[in-house]
Amino acid sequence: MDIRELYKRYGSGHVACIDDTVVAHDKTFKKVFETVKENGLLGNKRLVFRFIPPEESVCVYQFCI
């Protein structure tokens, strides 16, 4: 799934992904974690949890040397 689709569908929420497939999503990390646990996916080494910022958000990075 491309990042623009993630922003549109899951912006301001948490997701759990295995490879490129979203296996759980919700507004709270706790609910996503519980869903993943209930479905027996916690042991999967390709499982990744992410927060998807709102679609209209802007990220600003500052580098200090």
Protein backbone atom coordinates (compact mmCIF):
# COMPACT_ATOMS: atom_id res chain seq x y z
CA MET A 1 0.00 0.00 0.00
CA ASP A 2 1.42 3.37 -0.90
CA ILE A 3 1.94 6.08 1.71
CA ARG A 4 -0.74 8.39 0.25
CA GLU A 5 -3.32 5.64 0.70
CA LEU A 6 -2.17 5.10 4.30
CA TYR A 7 -2.64 8.81 5.04
CA LYS A 8 -6.12 8.86 3.49
CA ARG A 9 -7.40 5.69 5.15
CA TYR A 10 -5.59 5.68 8.49
CA GLY A 11 -4.43 9.27 9.12
CA SER A 12 -4.34 10.22 12.82
CA GLY A 13 -4.40 6.55 13.78
CA HIS A 14 -2.25 3.55 14.56
CA VAL A 15 -1.71 0.56 12.29
CA ALA A 16 -0.07 -2.83 12.50
CA CYS A 17 1.41 -4.13 9.24
CA ILE A 18 2.92 -7.37 8.07
CA ASP A 19 4.89 -6.74 4.91
CA ASP A 20 2.66 -4.31 2.97
CA THR A 21 -0.64 -5.44 4.49
CA VAL A 22 -2.43 -3.61 7.30
CA VAL A 23 -3.58 -6.29 9.76
CA ALA A 24 -5.10 -3.96 12.40
CA HIS A 25 -5.94 -0.27 12.75
CA ASP A 26 -7.56 2.02 15.28
CA LYS A 27 -7.22 5.48 16.78
CA THR A 28 -5.42 4.06 19.84
CA PHE A 29 -2.29 1.93 19.97
CA LYS A 30 -3.80 -0.13 22.80
CA LYS A 31 -6.68 -1.37 20.61
CA VAL A 32 -4.34 -2.16 17.72
CA PHE A 33 -2.07 -4.13 20.04
CA GLU A 34 -5.02 -6.03 21.53
CA THR A 35 -6.30 -6.95 18.04
CA VAL A 36 -2.88 -8.20 16.97
CA LYS A 37 -2.55 -10.22 20.18
CA GLU A 38 -6.06 -11.73 19.85
CA ASN A 39 -5.26 -12.79 16.28
CA GLY A 40 -2.02 -14.51 17.34
CA LEU A 41 0.23 -12.24 15.28
CA LEU A 42 2.61 -10.98 18.00
CA GLY A 43 5.22 -13.62 17.20
CA ASN A 44 5.47 -12.60 13.55
CA LYS A 45 8.95 -11.18 12.91
CA ARG A 46 7.68 -8.98 10.06
CA LEU A 47 5.06 -7.24 12.25
CA VAL A 48 5.50 -3.46 12.44
CA PHE A 49 3.46 -0.92 14.42
CA ARG A 50 3.19 2.62 13.06
CA PHE A 51 1.42 5.86 13.82
CA ILE A 52 0.08 7.50 10.66
CA PRO A 53 0.03 11.30 11.01
CA PRO A 54 -2.96 13.28 9.73
CA GLU A 55 -3.05 13.58 5.95
CA GLU A 56 -2.50 17.33 6.04
CA SER A 57 0.41 17.22 8.52
CA VAL A 58 3.90 18.51 7.83
CA CYS A 59 7.06 16.99 9.30
CA VAL A 60 9.90 19.33 10.20
CA TYR A 61 13.37 17.98 10.86
CA GLN A 62 16.18 19.87 12.54
CA PHE A 63 19.75 18.69 12.34
CA CYS A 64 22.34 19.89 14.83
CA ILE A 65 26.03 19.46 14.25
